[in-house]
Protein backbone atom coordinates (compact mmCIF):
# COMPACT_ATOMS: atom_id res chain seq x y z
CA MET A 1 15.79 -55.19 -22.18
CA ASN A 2 18.21 -52.66 -23.67
CA HIS A 3 15.52 -51.42 -26.10
CA LEU A 4 13.14 -50.80 -23.19
CA ILE A 5 15.66 -48.57 -21.42
CA VAL A 6 16.30 -46.57 -24.60
CA TRP A 7 12.55 -46.22 -25.19
CA LEU A 8 11.93 -45.02 -21.59
CA ALA A 9 14.82 -42.54 -21.76
CA GLN A 10 13.43 -40.75 -24.83
CA ASP A 11 11.98 -37.27 -24.49
CA PRO A 12 8.22 -37.10 -25.00
CA PRO A 13 7.09 -35.42 -28.23
CA ALA A 14 6.51 -31.68 -27.95
CA PRO A 15 2.85 -30.63 -27.93
CA PRO A 16 1.78 -28.65 -31.00
CA GLN A 17 1.98 -24.92 -30.34
CA GLY A 18 1.14 -22.04 -32.62
CA PRO A 19 2.90 -18.68 -32.75
CA GLU A 20 0.26 -17.12 -30.46
CA PHE A 21 0.71 -19.75 -27.73
CA GLY A 22 1.12 -18.13 -24.30
CA GLY A 23 0.08 -14.68 -25.48
CA SER A 24 -2.62 -12.66 -23.80
CA SER A 25 -5.77 -11.39 -25.44
CA PRO A 26 -7.65 -8.10 -25.09
CA VAL A 27 -10.47 -10.02 -23.41
CA GLY A 28 -8.14 -10.78 -20.49
CA LEU A 29 -7.40 -7.07 -20.07
CA VAL A 30 -11.12 -6.24 -20.07
CA VAL A 31 -11.79 -8.90 -17.43
CA ILE A 32 -8.99 -7.64 -15.18
CA LEU A 33 -10.15 -4.02 -15.50
CA ALA A 34 -13.75 -5.01 -14.73
CA LEU A 35 -12.59 -6.87 -11.61
CA ALA A 36 -10.57 -3.82 -10.52
CA VAL A 37 -13.60 -1.51 -10.92
CA ALA A 38 -15.79 -3.95 -8.99
CA LEU A 39 -13.19 -4.09 -6.23
CA VAL A 40 -13.14 -0.28 -5.91
CA PHE A 41 -16.94 -0.16 -5.56
CA LEU A 42 -16.93 -2.99 -3.01
CA ILE A 43 -14.29 -1.24 -0.89
CA ARG A 44 -16.25 2.04 -0.98
CA SER A 45 -19.45 0.25 0.04
CA MET A 46 -17.69 -1.58 2.87
CA ASN A 47 -16.26 1.68 4.20
CA LYS A 48 -19.74 3.27 4.21
CA HIS A 49 -21.14 0.34 6.20
CA LEU A 50 -18.23 0.32 8.64
CA ARG A 51 -18.75 4.02 9.43
CA LYS A 52 -22.29 3.17 10.62
CA ILE A 53 -21.03 0.70 13.24
CA PRO A 54 -21.02 2.20 16.76
CA ALA A 55 -17.74 2.44 18.66
CA SER A 56 -19.13 0.15 21.35
CA PHE A 57 -21.96 -2.33 21.31
CA ASP A 58 -22.72 -1.81 25.00
CA GLU A 59 -26.12 -0.22 25.45
CA GLN A 60 -26.00 3.30 26.84
CA PRO A 61 -28.73 3.84 29.44
CA SER A 62 -30.87 6.95 29.05
CA GLU A 63 -30.76 9.85 31.53
CA SER A 64 -34.05 8.89 33.22
CA THR A 65 -32.79 5.34 33.80
CA ARG A 66 -29.51 6.61 35.25
CA SER A 67 -31.26 8.89 37.75
CA GLY A 68 -33.61 6.05 38.74
CA GLU A 69 -30.64 3.75 39.38
CA ALA A 70 -28.97 6.41 41.50
CA LYS A 71 -32.11 6.69 43.68
CA ASP A 72 -32.25 2.91 44.08
CA GLN A 73 -28.62 2.79 45.18
CA LYS A 74 -29.21 5.48 47.85
CA ASP A 75 -32.02 3.47 49.50
């Protein structure tokens, strides 16, 4: 029983790691820069589309319809 406790209390062996472990590569920098450029273009495109949206989605009646409604209300 005592050997089991000693065996369970041992630290696990360290995984093999080279000197470059955890370092970044130039490929990661290129990927991040490409994502940043894509984000800029997406934001510009979204702003262009948002400028096309009307201030209100209620339909504005034309002048001839308004004058016809005013005549109907007088009768």
